Protein backbone atom coordinates (compact mmCIF):
# COMPACT_ATOMS: atom_id res chain seq x y z
CA MET A 1 -14.49 -27.50 -33.84
CA THR A 2 -15.70 -27.54 -30.23
CA ASP A 3 -18.00 -24.69 -29.20
CA TYR A 4 -17.19 -23.25 -25.76
CA LEU A 5 -19.08 -21.26 -23.16
CA LEU A 6 -16.97 -18.71 -21.28
CA ARG A 7 -18.32 -16.22 -18.75
CA ALA A 8 -16.62 -13.50 -16.73
CA GLU A 9 -17.31 -15.50 -13.55
CA ASP A 10 -15.28 -18.41 -14.94
CA GLU A 11 -12.20 -16.40 -13.94
CA HIS A 12 -13.15 -17.24 -10.33
CA PRO A 13 -13.34 -20.58 -8.47
CA HIS A 14 -16.13 -23.02 -9.32
CA ASP A 15 -18.23 -25.32 -7.14
CA PRO A 16 -16.30 -28.62 -6.85
CA GLY A 17 -19.46 -30.63 -6.14
CA ASN A 18 -18.81 -34.21 -5.05
CA GLU A 19 -16.11 -35.00 -7.62
CA PRO A 20 -13.34 -36.55 -5.47
CA LEU A 21 -10.53 -35.57 -7.86
CA PHE A 22 -11.82 -32.07 -8.58
CA ASN A 23 -8.99 -29.64 -9.28
CA GLU A 24 -9.14 -25.95 -10.10
CA SER A 25 -5.84 -24.68 -11.38
CA VAL A 26 -4.44 -21.25 -12.25
CA TYR A 27 -1.07 -21.02 -13.99
CA VAL A 28 1.09 -18.12 -15.21
CA ASN A 29 4.41 -18.10 -17.03
CA ALA A 30 6.51 -15.03 -17.83
CA PHE A 31 9.91 -14.35 -19.43
CA ASP A 32 12.36 -11.51 -19.89
CA HIS A 33 12.96 -11.63 -23.65
CA GLU A 34 16.15 -9.58 -23.39
CA ARG A 35 17.95 -11.63 -20.74
CA ALA A 36 16.35 -15.03 -21.41
CA TYR A 37 15.10 -15.92 -17.96
CA GLY A 38 11.77 -16.33 -16.18
CA GLY A 39 9.54 -19.20 -15.24
CA TRP A 40 6.10 -20.20 -14.03
CA MET A 41 3.92 -20.70 -10.99
CA ARG A 42 0.76 -22.68 -10.44
CA LEU A 43 -1.84 -23.13 -7.72
CA GLY A 44 -4.27 -26.02 -8.04
CA ASN A 45 -7.06 -26.30 -5.47
CA ARG A 46 -8.06 -29.87 -4.62
CA ALA A 47 -10.75 -28.82 -2.18
CA ASN A 48 -12.39 -32.25 -1.88
CA GLU A 49 -9.01 -33.73 -0.95
CA GLY A 50 -8.19 -30.93 1.50
CA TYR A 51 -5.07 -29.46 -0.09
CA ALA A 52 -3.72 -27.26 -2.87
CA GLU A 53 -0.90 -28.06 -5.27
CA LEU A 54 1.59 -25.18 -5.08
CA ALA A 55 4.45 -24.93 -7.56
CA VAL A 56 7.02 -22.25 -8.35
CA CYS A 57 9.74 -22.87 -10.94
CA LEU A 58 12.05 -19.99 -11.89
CA PHE A 59 14.94 -20.37 -14.34
CA LEU A 60 17.51 -17.83 -13.14
CA PRO A 61 20.10 -15.97 -15.27
CA ASP A 62 23.00 -17.92 -13.69
CA GLY A 63 21.50 -21.30 -14.69
CA ARG A 64 20.12 -22.27 -11.29
CA ILE A 65 16.47 -23.15 -10.83
CA ALA A 66 14.63 -21.56 -7.90
CA CYS A 67 11.67 -23.74 -7.05
CA GLN A 68 9.14 -24.80 -4.46
CA PHE A 69 6.55 -27.59 -4.43
CA GLN A 70 4.13 -27.91 -1.54
CA ARG A 71 0.66 -29.16 -0.64
CA PRO A 72 -0.76 -26.58 1.77
CA ALA A 73 -4.05 -27.44 3.45
CA ILE A 74 -7.28 -25.80 2.23
CA GLY A 75 -10.86 -26.25 3.38
CA ASP A 76 -12.86 -25.11 0.36
CA ASN A 77 -12.62 -23.74 -3.17
CA ARG A 78 -13.67 -20.15 -2.54
CA VAL A 79 -10.31 -18.46 -3.27
CA PHE A 80 -6.89 -19.07 -4.78
CA ASP A 81 -4.77 -18.40 -1.71
CA ALA A 82 -2.60 -21.05 -0.03
CA GLY A 83 0.95 -21.56 1.19
CA GLY A 84 2.07 -18.00 0.45
CA MET A 85 0.69 -18.00 -3.11
CA SER A 86 -2.35 -16.04 -4.26
CA TYR A 87 -4.16 -15.21 -7.48
CA ALA A 88 -6.53 -12.27 -7.92
CA VAL A 89 -8.61 -11.14 -10.88
CA GLU A 90 -8.53 -7.38 -11.50
CA THR A 91 -10.55 -7.38 -14.72
CA PRO A 92 -12.01 -10.67 -16.04
CA HIS A 93 -10.36 -11.84 -19.28
CA GLU A 94 -7.97 -8.89 -19.14
CA THR A 95 -5.82 -8.51 -16.01
CA VAL A 96 -4.83 -10.80 -13.14
CA VAL A 97 -2.15 -10.65 -10.43
CA MET A 98 -0.33 -13.70 -9.09
CA ARG A 99 1.97 -13.53 -6.06
CA TYR A 100 4.25 -15.75 -4.02
CA SER A 101 6.10 -14.99 -0.80
CA GLY A 102 8.11 -17.76 0.76
CA GLU A 103 11.08 -20.06 0.64
CA VAL A 104 12.54 -21.52 -2.54
CA LEU A 105 15.20 -24.14 -3.19
CA LEU A 106 18.18 -23.01 -5.29
CA VAL A 107 18.97 -26.01 -7.50
CA ALA A 108 22.24 -26.00 -9.43
CA ASP A 109 22.19 -29.70 -10.37
CA ARG A 110 18.97 -30.62 -12.15
CA ALA A 111 19.59 -34.32 -11.44
CA LEU A 112 18.24 -33.60 -7.95
CA PHE A 113 14.73 -33.32 -9.43
CA ARG A 114 14.82 -37.06 -10.07
CA ASP A 115 15.21 -37.77 -6.35
CA PRO A 116 12.67 -35.84 -4.21
CA LYS A 117 14.45 -36.76 -0.98
CA ARG A 118 17.67 -35.13 -2.17
CA LEU A 119 15.80 -32.24 -3.80
CA PHE A 120 14.26 -31.16 -0.52
CA SER A 121 17.34 -31.78 1.63
CA GLU A 122 20.47 -30.77 -0.30
CA PRO A 123 20.04 -27.40 -2.09
CA PRO A 124 20.44 -24.09 -0.23
CA ARG A 125 17.26 -22.16 0.51
CA ALA A 126 16.39 -18.52 -0.03
CA TYR A 127 13.49 -16.16 0.50
CA CYS A 128 11.55 -15.29 -2.65
CA GLU A 129 9.13 -12.46 -3.21
CA LEU A 130 7.34 -12.18 -6.52
CA ALA A 131 4.30 -10.37 -7.88
CA TRP A 132 3.35 -10.69 -11.53
CA ARG A 133 0.71 -8.37 -12.98
CA VAL A 134 -0.55 -10.10 -16.10
CA ARG A 135 -2.40 -8.32 -18.89
CA GLY A 136 -3.93 -10.12 -21.86
CA CYS A 137 -2.44 -9.46 -25.31
CA SER A 138 -4.76 -11.91 -27.05
CA PRO A 139 -8.36 -13.02 -26.97
CA ILE A 140 -9.31 -15.78 -24.52
CA HIS A 141 -9.21 -19.26 -26.03
CA GLY A 142 -11.41 -22.04 -24.66
CA GLY A 143 -13.96 -22.36 -21.86
CA LEU A 144 -16.49 -25.04 -20.98
CA PRO A 145 -17.62 -27.24 -23.90
CA ARG A 146 -21.29 -26.67 -24.73
CA GLU A 147 -21.85 -30.14 -26.17
CA THR A 148 -22.10 -33.18 -23.88
CA GLY A 149 -19.24 -35.52 -24.68
CA ALA A 150 -17.27 -32.96 -26.71
CA GLN A 151 -13.53 -33.37 -26.29
CA THR A 152 -11.60 -30.70 -24.41
CA MET A 153 -8.03 -29.57 -25.02
CA PHE A 154 -6.43 -31.78 -22.36
CA GLY A 155 -9.25 -34.34 -22.14
CA ARG A 156 -12.49 -34.41 -20.14
CA ASP A 157 -10.85 -36.57 -17.44
CA PHE A 158 -8.03 -34.04 -16.94
CA SER A 159 -9.66 -30.61 -17.18
CA LEU A 160 -13.26 -30.27 -18.31
CA GLY A 161 -13.18 -26.48 -18.37
CA HIS A 162 -10.05 -24.78 -19.66
CA PHE A 163 -9.06 -21.45 -21.16
CA ASN A 164 -5.76 -19.76 -21.96
CA GLN A 165 -4.38 -16.40 -23.09
CA HIS A 166 -1.11 -14.82 -24.23
CA THR A 167 0.02 -12.01 -21.99
CA ALA A 168 2.30 -9.08 -21.21
CA VAL A 169 3.74 -9.20 -17.69
CA GLU A 170 5.09 -6.66 -15.22
CA ALA A 171 7.20 -8.95 -13.05
CA ALA A 172 8.51 -7.97 -9.63
CA LEU A 173 10.91 -10.66 -8.43
CA SER A 174 13.53 -10.80 -5.71
CA ILE A 175 15.47 -13.74 -4.29
CA ASP A 176 17.37 -13.14 -1.06
CA GLY A 177 17.10 -9.43 -1.74
CA GLU A 178 18.52 -9.60 -5.28
CA CYS A 179 16.21 -7.72 -7.64
CA LEU A 180 15.31 -9.64 -10.81
CA ASP A 181 12.38 -7.49 -11.95
CA PHE A 182 11.48 -7.44 -15.64
CA GLN A 183 8.81 -6.51 -18.14
CA GLY A 184 8.17 -9.35 -20.50
CA TYR A 185 5.67 -11.68 -22.10
CA GLY A 186 4.07 -14.97 -21.25
CA TRP A 187 1.01 -17.18 -21.16
CA ARG A 188 -1.63 -18.13 -18.62
CA ASP A 189 -4.32 -20.75 -18.25
CA HIS A 190 -7.16 -21.66 -15.90
CA SER A 191 -8.79 -25.08 -15.70
CA TRP A 192 -11.37 -26.86 -13.58
CA GLY A 193 -12.85 -30.34 -13.32
CA PRO A 194 -11.54 -33.80 -12.43
CA ARG A 195 -7.76 -34.12 -12.74
CA LEU A 196 -5.48 -37.10 -12.50
CA TRP A 197 -2.05 -36.67 -14.07
CA GLN A 198 -1.98 -40.35 -14.96
CA ASN A 199 -5.05 -39.90 -17.19
CA ILE A 200 -2.57 -38.49 -19.68
CA LEU A 201 -0.66 -41.26 -21.44
CA PHE A 202 1.64 -38.61 -22.89
CA ASP A 203 1.63 -35.05 -24.09
CA ARG A 204 3.99 -32.53 -25.65
CA GLY A 205 2.90 -28.97 -24.88
CA PHE A 206 4.37 -25.68 -26.11
CA TYR A 207 3.28 -22.42 -24.46
CA ALA A 208 5.34 -19.46 -25.65
CA SER A 209 5.25 -15.82 -26.67
CA PHE A 210 7.19 -13.92 -29.32
CA GLY A 211 5.98 -10.50 -28.17
CA PRO A 212 2.68 -8.64 -27.98
CA GLU A 213 1.16 -10.01 -31.21
CA ARG A 214 2.60 -13.49 -31.77
CA GLY A 215 2.63 -16.71 -29.78
CA ILE A 216 1.85 -20.42 -29.72
CA THR A 217 -0.33 -22.77 -27.73
CA LEU A 218 0.36 -26.19 -29.25
CA LEU A 219 -0.41 -29.63 -27.88
CA LYS A 220 0.07 -33.20 -29.04
CA ILE A 221 -1.62 -35.50 -26.54
CA ALA A 222 -2.87 -39.03 -25.92
CA ASN A 223 -5.14 -39.74 -22.98
CA ARG A 224 -5.62 -43.18 -21.44
CA ASP A 225 -7.38 -44.50 -24.57
CA GLY A 226 -4.11 -44.00 -26.47
CA VAL A 227 -5.72 -41.98 -29.28
CA VAL A 228 -3.38 -39.18 -30.33
CA ARG A 229 -4.90 -35.71 -30.77
CA ARG A 230 -3.46 -32.38 -31.87
CA ALA A 231 -4.90 -29.14 -30.55
CA GLY A 232 -4.07 -25.50 -30.08
CA VAL A 233 -3.71 -22.15 -31.77
CA LEU A 234 -1.24 -19.82 -33.41
CA PHE A 235 -1.46 -16.22 -32.17
CA VAL A 236 -0.79 -13.92 -35.12
CA ASP A 237 -1.43 -10.16 -35.40
CA GLY A 238 -3.79 -10.05 -32.45
CA ASP A 239 -5.94 -13.04 -33.46
CA TYR A 240 -6.02 -16.77 -32.72
CA GLU A 241 -5.97 -19.32 -35.53
CA GLU A 242 -6.99 -22.90 -34.68
CA ILE A 243 -4.49 -25.46 -35.90
CA THR A 244 -5.53 -28.20 -38.30
CA ASP A 245 -2.33 -30.23 -38.00
CA LEU A 246 0.84 -30.44 -35.92
CA ASP A 247 4.07 -32.42 -36.13
CA VAL A 248 6.62 -32.52 -33.31
CA PHE A 249 10.26 -33.56 -33.69
CA THR A 250 12.48 -33.79 -30.59
CA ASP A 251 16.19 -34.22 -29.93
CA TRP A 252 17.13 -35.86 -26.62
CA ASP A 253 20.07 -36.15 -24.26
CA ALA A 254 21.32 -39.25 -22.47
CA ASP A 255 18.88 -38.68 -19.59
CA LYS A 256 15.92 -38.74 -22.02
CA ASP A 257 15.33 -35.00 -21.53
CA PRO A 258 14.52 -32.80 -24.54
CA THR A 259 17.32 -30.64 -25.95
CA ALA A 260 15.79 -29.22 -29.16
CA ILE A 261 12.46 -29.26 -30.96
CA THR A 262 11.04 -28.57 -34.39
CA LEU A 263 7.31 -27.85 -34.70
CA SER A 264 5.40 -27.88 -37.97
CA ALA A 265 1.89 -26.43 -37.55
CA ARG A 266 -0.85 -25.62 -40.01
CA THR A 267 -3.98 -23.46 -39.78
CA ALA A 268 -6.53 -22.58 -42.45
CA ARG A 269 -4.48 -19.45 -43.20
CA ARG A 270 -0.84 -20.47 -42.93
CA SER A 271 1.87 -23.02 -42.28
CA ALA A 272 4.49 -22.41 -39.60
CA VAL A 273 7.82 -24.09 -38.89
CA ILE A 274 9.13 -23.22 -35.44
CA HIS A 275 12.52 -24.24 -34.07
CA GLY A 276 13.23 -24.46 -30.35
CA ARG A 277 16.38 -24.76 -28.25
CA VAL A 278 15.98 -25.99 -24.69
CA LEU A 279 17.97 -23.76 -22.34
CA ASN A 280 17.25 -25.58 -19.06
CA VAL A 281 15.13 -28.43 -17.76
CA ALA A 282 13.42 -29.26 -14.48
CA PRO A 283 12.66 -33.01 -14.83
CA LEU A 284 9.76 -33.29 -12.38
CA ARG A 285 7.79 -36.35 -11.30
CA ASN A 286 4.23 -37.04 -10.18
CA ARG A 287 3.20 -40.11 -8.21
CA ARG A 288 -0.28 -41.31 -7.24
CA GLU A 289 -1.51 -44.48 -5.55
CA ILE A 290 -4.80 -45.83 -6.94
CA ASP A 291 -6.36 -49.06 -5.66
CA GLY A 292 -3.03 -50.12 -4.20
CA GLU A 293 -1.07 -49.47 -7.39
CA VAL A 294 1.51 -46.68 -7.52
CA LEU A 295 1.34 -44.82 -10.84
CA ARG A 296 4.15 -42.49 -11.88
CA SER A 297 4.51 -39.84 -14.55
CA ARG A 298 7.39 -37.62 -15.60
CA ILE A 299 6.76 -33.92 -16.19
CA ALA A 300 9.76 -32.34 -17.91
CA GLU A 301 9.48 -28.55 -17.67
CA CYS A 302 11.79 -26.90 -20.20
CA LEU A 303 12.77 -23.26 -20.56
CA THR A 304 12.90 -22.90 -24.34
CA GLU A 305 14.10 -20.27 -26.80
CA LEU A 306 12.19 -20.41 -30.08
CA GLU A 307 12.53 -18.97 -33.57
CA TRP A 308 9.61 -18.41 -35.95
CA ASP A 309 10.08 -16.51 -39.23
CA GLY A 310 13.09 -14.72 -37.81
CA GLN A 311 11.36 -13.70 -34.58
CA ARG A 312 12.71 -14.90 -31.23
CA GLY A 313 10.43 -16.03 -28.44
CA TYR A 314 10.54 -17.72 -25.04
CA GLY A 315 8.26 -20.04 -23.18
CA MET A 316 7.74 -23.45 -21.65
CA THR A 317 8.01 -26.78 -23.41
CA GLU A 318 6.31 -29.46 -21.31
CA TYR A 319 6.69 -33.21 -21.75
CA VAL A 320 4.25 -35.26 -19.65
CA GLU A 321 4.06 -39.03 -19.84
CA GLN A 322 3.53 -42.14 -17.80
CA LEU A 323 6.57 -44.09 -16.66
CA ARG A 324 6.69 -47.82 -17.24
CA ASP A 325 9.63 -49.61 -15.65
CA GLY A 326 11.11 -46.14 -15.20
CA VAL A 327 11.01 -45.30 -18.92
CA PRO A 328 8.76 -42.55 -20.39
CA VAL A 329 6.15 -44.32 -22.53
CA ALA A 330 6.39 -41.98 -25.53
CA TRP A 331 10.17 -41.59 -25.64
CA PRO A 332 11.78 -41.00 -28.12
CA MET A 333 8.75 -39.53 -29.92
């Protein structure tokens, strides 16, 4: 098991040094467990490239997806504040606040996500105001590996430092003046180090909460070397249990998007079988040109309802993988 170093100051931005692909990312998801809606937002500072990656993706009660994806300019890595999105630490490892004020696209047809030109030109636009106060329900999991060469959760060439936490969320949210506030549960993470999406060959990630004392952080991943790893924790009765094994079974639709999942996870204390039903999907894409070659990955972001021992939960199922001749490399795994 990897031994991690985690300090209070790791909640704040780190020195990017001279690493050209340095990224420092903060991410929060949150869901209303009564009405089955919510979503996520992320801000990733790429200070040495002069911009931040801003993303908002909200799965609304009427089935539409309110979203925004931008690359606002930044000059350094001193704060998380760009393009109308900000992230502030109230109490390290306990409470943070993430906000967004700005325009969103209201997407009724998820096929638009497969064509960025149409995505940014066809849907109606609305003003969104959100502020999520996030309080930890669980311990912090992760940090910076103490041992040189030790593997990290997502791989040393994707996020060297990384920690995550299950949360309770007070969510203020309005879209064009319609109030969609809720009190719910979610998950957050913070990572820093070199990041290139195409350094992931494929992954299947599951980040969900079943309430204040139960949740999952589960990952099946292969980096560029193709070696498959399984990582993560089960959150049970206020404590994290490292997994020792994980199996993932996926049902797919005709567009190669996930529709249902079954997870079989084991820790030293228990076995868990978790069933998931995908309620909505934002089939995103990432493209990067390296040495004249254009590399593409799909990032399917799925609002998912889960069941574990009779308890219902909500969260994000994330399928990331390189595209080869337009086909996801790990489909239909």
